[in-house]
Amino acid sequence: MSAPYRLKTAGLTINVRQEGNGAPLLFLGGSNFDLSISSAVFDSRLPEHFSVAAADPRGLGATEAPDGDWSMADYARDALDLLDALAWDRVDILG
């Protein structure tokens, strides 16, 4: 099992965990998910076939909590910034 690590993106520092090898798969656990919760995606067989990444959403877990109100557009931008920081240009998404 790999440990989460903090990754600086264009927008904020995100707590992310990656496991597996293969095609990139981004897991979006929702606005109440963070990596301190046991994630079924990492306990599944998906990391045997994909390089799976999951992250704490902004304001949860060890991801930064910027000032102000956040919108769904902010969460979407965070996901895109994460993909850029991981250098993943094509990805499957599970959420």
C-alpha atoms as a PDB file:
ATOM      1  CA  MET A   1       0.000   0.000   0.000  1.00  0.00           C
ATOM      2  CA  SER A   2       1.354   3.402  -0.920  1.00  0.00           C
ATOM      3  CA  ALA A   3       1.133   6.350   1.423  1.00  0.00           C
ATOM      4  CA  PRO A   4      -0.571   9.604   0.467  1.00  0.00           C
ATOM      5  CA  TYR A   5       1.704  12.496  -0.401  1.00  0.00           C
ATOM      6  CA  ARG A   6       1.222  16.205  -0.957  1.00  0.00           C
ATOM      7  CA  LEU A   7       1.504  17.479  -4.525  1.00  0.00           C
ATOM      8  CA  LYS A   8       1.693  21.154  -5.488  1.00  0.00           C
ATOM      9  CA  THR A   9      -0.582  21.941  -8.415  1.00  0.00           C
ATOM     10  CA  ALA A  10      -1.257  25.197 -10.235  1.00  0.00           C
ATOM     11  CA  GLY A  11      -4.103  25.966  -7.832  1.00  0.00           C
ATOM     12  CA  LEU A  12      -3.275  24.455  -4.445  1.00  0.00           C
ATOM     13  CA  THR A  13      -1.421  21.681  -2.653  1.00  0.00           C
ATOM     14  CA  ILE A  14      -3.409  18.455  -2.875  1.00  0.00           C
ATOM     15  CA  ASN A  15      -3.058  15.302  -0.789  1.00  0.00           C
ATOM     16  CA  VAL A  16      -2.992  12.406  -3.262  1.00  0.00           C
ATOM     17  CA  ARG A  17      -2.469   8.654  -3.222  1.00  0.00           C
ATOM     18  CA  GLN A  18      -1.449   6.542  -6.216  1.00  0.00           C
ATOM     19  CA  GLU A  19      -1.267   2.796  -6.650  1.00  0.00           C
ATOM     20  CA  GLY A  20      -0.955   0.356  -9.489  1.00  0.00           C
ATOM     21  CA  ASN A  21       0.364   0.251 -12.998  1.00  0.00           C
ATOM     22  CA  GLY A  22      -1.411   0.656 -16.260  1.00  0.00           C
ATOM     23  CA  ALA A  23      -3.713   3.192 -17.811  1.00  0.00           C
ATOM     24  CA  PRO A  24      -4.428   6.204 -15.561  1.00  0.00           C
ATOM     25  CA  LEU A  25      -7.652   6.132 -13.540  1.00  0.00           C
ATOM     26  CA  LEU A  26      -8.732   9.104 -11.412  1.00  0.00           C
ATOM     27  CA  PHE A  27     -11.077   8.236  -8.545  1.00  0.00           C
ATOM     28  CA  LEU A  28     -13.319  11.108  -7.430  1.00  0.00           C
ATOM     29  CA  GLY A  29     -14.711  10.102  -4.063  1.00  0.00           C
ATOM     30  CA  GLY A  30     -17.024  13.082  -3.596  1.00  0.00           C
ATOM     31  CA  SER A  31     -17.072  16.136  -1.382  1.00  0.00           C
ATOM     32  CA  ASN A  32     -17.131  14.152   1.882  1.00  0.00           C
ATOM     33  CA  PHE A  33     -14.296  11.750   0.927  1.00  0.00           C
ATOM     34  CA  ASP A  34     -10.751  11.987   2.158  1.00  0.00           C
ATOM     35  CA  LEU A  35      -7.854   9.576   2.084  1.00  0.00           C
ATOM     36  CA  SER A  36      -8.046   8.888   5.835  1.00  0.00           C
ATOM     37  CA  ILE A  37     -11.192   6.880   5.032  1.00  0.00           C
ATOM     38  CA  SER A  38     -10.449   3.378   3.790  1.00  0.00           C
ATOM     39  CA  SER A  39     -11.099   3.581   0.082  1.00  0.00           C
ATOM     40  CA  ALA A  40     -12.627   0.582  -1.644  1.00  0.00           C
ATOM     41  CA  VAL A  41     -10.959   1.648  -4.893  1.00  0.00           C
ATOM     42  CA  PHE A  42      -7.520   0.795  -3.456  1.00  0.00           C
ATOM     43  CA  ASP A  43      -8.794  -2.412  -1.838  1.00  0.00           C
ATOM     44  CA  SER A  44     -10.260  -3.561  -5.144  1.00  0.00           C
ATOM     45  CA  ARG A  45      -8.529  -5.201  -8.092  1.00  0.00           C
ATOM     46  CA  LEU A  46      -8.420  -1.898 -10.006  1.00  0.00           C
ATOM     47  CA  PRO A  47      -4.761  -1.153  -9.089  1.00  0.00           C
ATOM     48  CA  GLU A  48      -3.854  -4.487 -10.708  1.00  0.00           C
ATOM     49  CA  HIS A  49      -4.983  -3.056 -14.060  1.00  0.00           C
ATOM     50  CA  PHE A  50      -4.767   0.733 -13.710  1.00  0.00           C
ATOM     51  CA  SER A  51      -2.590   3.402 -12.189  1.00  0.00           C
ATOM     52  CA  VAL A  52      -5.197   4.693  -9.732  1.00  0.00           C
ATOM     53  CA  ALA A  53      -5.028   8.158  -8.163  1.00  0.00           C
ATOM     54  CA  ALA A  54      -7.376   9.594  -5.545  1.00  0.00           C
ATOM     55  CA  ALA A  55      -7.110  12.851  -3.640  1.00  0.00           C
ATOM     56  CA  ASP A  56      -8.587  14.732  -0.717  1.00  0.00           C
ATOM     57  CA  PRO A  57     -10.912  17.445  -2.049  1.00  0.00           C
ATOM     58  CA  ARG A  58     -10.094  21.026  -1.153  1.00  0.00           C
ATOM     59  CA  GLY A  59     -10.679  21.709   2.525  1.00  0.00           C
ATOM     60  CA  LEU A  60     -10.675  18.043   3.557  1.00  0.00           C
ATOM     61  CA  GLY A  61      -7.907  15.814   4.866  1.00  0.00           C
ATOM     62  CA  ALA A  62      -4.461  17.191   4.096  1.00  0.00           C
ATOM     63  CA  THR A  63      -5.442  19.248   1.022  1.00  0.00           C
ATOM     64  CA  GLU A  64      -5.330  23.012   1.364  1.00  0.00           C
ATOM     65  CA  ALA A  65      -8.478  24.964   2.244  1.00  0.00           C
ATOM     66  CA  PRO A  66      -8.394  28.258   0.322  1.00  0.00           C
ATOM     67  CA  ASP A  67     -10.341  31.209   1.673  1.00  0.00           C
ATOM     68  CA  GLY A  68     -13.726  32.057   0.218  1.00  0.00           C
ATOM     69  CA  ASP A  69     -16.705  30.138  -1.053  1.00  0.00           C
ATOM     70  CA  TRP A  70     -16.062  27.197  -3.363  1.00  0.00           C
ATOM     71  CA  SER A  71     -18.083  26.102  -6.333  1.00  0.00           C
ATOM     72  CA  MET A  72     -18.270  22.905  -8.365  1.00  0.00           C
ATOM     73  CA  ALA A  73     -16.145  24.726 -10.938  1.00  0.00           C
ATOM     74  CA  ASP A  74     -13.387  24.998  -8.294  1.00  0.00           C
ATOM     75  CA  TYR A  75     -13.520  21.236  -7.640  1.00  0.00           C
ATOM     76  CA  ALA A  76     -13.405  20.574 -11.385  1.00  0.00           C
ATOM     77  CA  ARG A  77     -10.403  22.909 -11.774  1.00  0.00           C
ATOM     78  CA  ASP A  78      -8.679  21.105  -8.876  1.00  0.00           C
ATOM     79  CA  ALA A  79      -9.133  17.768 -10.682  1.00  0.00           C
ATOM     80  CA  LEU A  80      -7.735  19.210 -13.929  1.00  0.00           C
ATOM     81  CA  ASP A  81      -4.802  20.763 -12.075  1.00  0.00           C
ATOM     82  CA  LEU A  82      -4.131  17.407 -10.400  1.00  0.00           C
ATOM     83  CA  LEU A  83      -4.108  15.650 -13.777  1.00  0.00           C
ATOM     84  CA  ASP A  84      -1.648  18.248 -15.097  1.00  0.00           C
ATOM     85  CA  ALA A  85       0.615  17.802 -12.044  1.00  0.00           C
ATOM     86  CA  LEU A  86       0.527  14.016 -12.545  1.00  0.00           C
ATOM     87  CA  ALA A  87       1.302  14.567 -16.267  1.00  0.00           C
ATOM     88  CA  TRP A  88      -1.777  12.522 -17.223  1.00  0.00           C
ATOM     89  CA  ASP A  89      -3.194  13.812 -20.493  1.00  0.00           C
ATOM     90  CA  ARG A  90      -5.730  10.996 -21.013  1.00  0.00           C
ATOM     91  CA  VAL A  91      -7.520   9.416 -18.086  1.00  0.00           C
ATOM     92  CA  ASP A  92     -10.532   7.341 -17.160  1.00  0.00           C
ATOM     93  CA  ILE A  93     -12.592   8.709 -14.280  1.00  0.00           C
ATOM     94  CA  LEU A  94     -14.501   6.763 -11.642  1.00  0.00           C
ATOM     95  CA  GLY A  95     -16.696   8.566  -9.165  1.00  0.00           C
END
